[in-house]
């Protein structure tokens, strides 16, 4: 069966493999391609396999535009451009259908990796990751075979972050990787580094895995925290946005597994972005071999420390890490396991907010709120906070 993919063309060029039938495009975390854009309805459109081809049907009130013409449904051909917003709008959301890229619609029990390689064997040239990207050098002083590297797309000239992971046997582990790529590539949120590409290349040792994310310019929170406390209103605003990104990942079955100050970038406009997917995994499949190390052990959830290293991180572990980052931003140091209250560290917060963050830092993972509940609580608290002197840097 021929591989099929959608290419999202909004700033970053993102290839999104289709592995479900139908493939849904919308603003719901359950959609295969989740667009964090209010112009897109929760279930805007879907692609279904029909009589050996693919059909796009609109489920949103705005309709869809194929090659500039508004249609309720359309039979897709290679190269068709699909607009989810009117083409006349500024910065339209445009997809391109390409039946010669990655991903595939497969029946139950079929191997996604074998279908991938079956398609790739007909393509002459170097491995796909080499054909698409030129490695420019290390990124941020990181070392090791799986460390992220600065790279450039050979065609578009776009600077990206490339990570290449050790090969795994062709089979279940490689299939799990492609499912993971699909899950993270289909998630778009302003507080998440956007995964723009990923896949596997066949090498002697098996399936070499790779992942590409957009380049985010910003200062790591790990550099900001030692400089001292940040205004609570600034920290809470950033935590609220990051919790929204975590909620989207968790809703798609993804655990980030490394929410630490080194993986939170603070941009000059005041926003915060979660980066670094070197330890991320799908809960249904478990952790991938050769995952990158944790960069900030002081920000690791209690259940994963001191003999808990064999335990799998969970969404609750991510929530603890995010609350710990907030503690660091508001106090200038990581939290103590025994002292979770920010007011005890000299931070003046409304009691409800202090209670919320204390629950997020509870040693018992079952006590912690979900990322969604944390975000809702932070949104309520943010409205009650008043701006006080402090730096957004």
Foldseek 3Di string as FASTA:
>chain_A
DFWKWKWKDQPFTATAADADAWQWEFCALVGLAHDVDPLGHRGAWTWHQDPNFIKIAGPDPQAKAWPQHGDRMDTDDAQIKIWSHHPPDPRTTIMGIHRLDAHHYDDPPDARQVSRVVSVVVDDDDWPCVQFKDFDAADPPDDDQQHWTWIAGPPPRAIKIKGKFDADARDDLQSQLSLVLSSQQSDDAPQEFHWRDWHWTQDPRHTITMTITHDDDFAQLVVVLQVWAFWLLLLLVQLLRNLVSLVSCVSSQKDQQALASRQWGQHPVSHIHGYDSQFMGGPVRFTRPRGDDHPDVLLFQLCCPDPNVVPGDDQLRNLSSSLQSSLSRHGSDGDDLVDQFSVVSVGDFDPQLRVLSSQSNHSDSVSHDGSVVSSVSSVVRSVVDDDDDGDSD
